[in-house]
């Protein structure tokens, strides 16, 4: 029983999965922030072009 508990506490495979999940979440947040910024800039540009064509 003690060996099984010791092996359970020494197993770090779950920690690796959590680390990969955190990295993926960080990348997703960065992508969302960039798309939001670029989208706002594109909207401003298209509005300006539209107003100039009128």
C-alpha atoms as a PDB file:
ATOM      1  CA  UNK A   1       0.000   0.000   0.000  1.00  0.00           C
ATOM      2  CA  UNK A   2       2.820   2.398   0.891  1.00  0.00           C
ATOM      3  CA  UNK A   3       4.547   1.666  -2.435  1.00  0.00           C
ATOM      4  CA  UNK A   4       1.396   2.478  -4.379  1.00  0.00           C
ATOM      5  CA  UNK A   5       0.935   5.773  -2.542  1.00  0.00           C
ATOM      6  CA  UNK A   6       4.587   6.618  -3.069  1.00  0.00           C
ATOM      7  CA  UNK A   7       4.330   5.861  -6.797  1.00  0.00           C
ATOM      8  CA  UNK A   8       1.146   7.945  -7.010  1.00  0.00           C
ATOM      9  CA  UNK A   9       2.800  11.000  -5.448  1.00  0.00           C
ATOM     10  CA  UNK A  10       5.942  10.639  -7.589  1.00  0.00           C
ATOM     11  CA  UNK A  11       3.988  10.435 -10.871  1.00  0.00           C
ATOM     12  CA  UNK A  12       4.280  13.789 -12.638  1.00  0.00           C
ATOM     13  CA  UNK A  13       2.560  12.965 -15.935  1.00  0.00           C
ATOM     14  CA  UNK A  14      -0.517  14.996 -14.986  1.00  0.00           C
ATOM     15  CA  UNK A  15       1.639  18.051 -14.300  1.00  0.00           C
ATOM     16  CA  UNK A  16       2.923  17.959 -17.875  1.00  0.00           C
ATOM     17  CA  UNK A  17      -0.613  17.942 -19.257  1.00  0.00           C
ATOM     18  CA  UNK A  18      -1.524  20.905 -17.075  1.00  0.00           C
ATOM     19  CA  UNK A  19       1.548  22.805 -18.275  1.00  0.00           C
ATOM     20  CA  UNK A  20       0.607  22.186 -21.911  1.00  0.00           C
ATOM     21  CA  UNK A  21      -2.923  23.338 -21.149  1.00  0.00           C
ATOM     22  CA  UNK A  22      -1.646  26.572 -19.616  1.00  0.00           C
ATOM     23  CA  UNK A  23       0.608  27.197 -22.619  1.00  0.00           C
ATOM     24  CA  UNK A  24      -2.305  26.622 -25.003  1.00  0.00           C
ATOM     25  CA  UNK A  25      -4.508  28.976 -22.975  1.00  0.00           C
ATOM     26  CA  UNK A  26      -1.808  31.669 -23.038  1.00  0.00           C
ATOM     27  CA  UNK A  27      -1.429  31.363 -26.804  1.00  0.00           C
ATOM     28  CA  UNK A  28      -5.212  31.536 -27.235  1.00  0.00           C
ATOM     29  CA  UNK A  29      -5.407  34.736 -25.163  1.00  0.00           C
ATOM     30  CA  UNK A  30      -2.600  36.303 -27.215  1.00  0.00           C
ATOM     31  CA  UNK A  31      -4.336  35.383 -30.490  1.00  0.00           C
ATOM     32  CA  UNK A  32      -7.676  36.779 -29.300  1.00  0.00           C
ATOM     33  CA  UNK A  33      -6.013  40.042 -28.225  1.00  0.00           C
ATOM     34  CA  UNK A  34      -4.243  40.438 -31.581  1.00  0.00           C
ATOM     35  CA  UNK A  35      -7.376  39.634 -33.609  1.00  0.00           C
ATOM     36  CA  UNK A  36      -9.362  42.126 -31.560  1.00  0.00           C
ATOM     37  CA  UNK A  37      -6.756  44.849 -32.139  1.00  0.00           C
ATOM     38  CA  UNK A  38      -6.415  44.136 -35.854  1.00  0.00           C
ATOM     39  CA  UNK A  39     -10.199  43.964 -36.229  1.00  0.00           C
ATOM     40  CA  UNK A  40     -10.620  47.392 -34.677  1.00  0.00           C
ATOM     41  CA  UNK A  41      -7.948  48.863 -36.947  1.00  0.00           C
ATOM     42  CA  UNK A  42      -9.521  47.269 -40.029  1.00  0.00           C
ATOM     43  CA  UNK A  43     -12.945  48.579 -39.067  1.00  0.00           C
ATOM     44  CA  UNK A  44     -11.521  52.085 -38.751  1.00  0.00           C
ATOM     45  CA  UNK A  45      -9.783  51.790 -42.118  1.00  0.00           C
ATOM     46  CA  UNK A  46     -12.889  50.502 -43.919  1.00  0.00           C
ATOM     47  CA  UNK A  47     -15.037  53.225 -42.353  1.00  0.00           C
ATOM     48  CA  UNK A  48     -12.573  55.858 -43.533  1.00  0.00           C
ATOM     49  CA  UNK A  49     -12.516  54.423 -47.074  1.00  0.00           C
ATOM     50  CA  UNK A  50     -16.311  54.224 -47.120  1.00  0.00           C
ATOM     51  CA  UNK A  51     -16.635  57.860 -46.060  1.00  0.00           C
ATOM     52  CA  UNK A  52     -14.161  58.959 -48.715  1.00  0.00           C
ATOM     53  CA  UNK A  53     -16.103  57.135 -51.457  1.00  0.00           C
ATOM     54  CA  UNK A  54     -19.388  58.869 -50.584  1.00  0.00           C
END
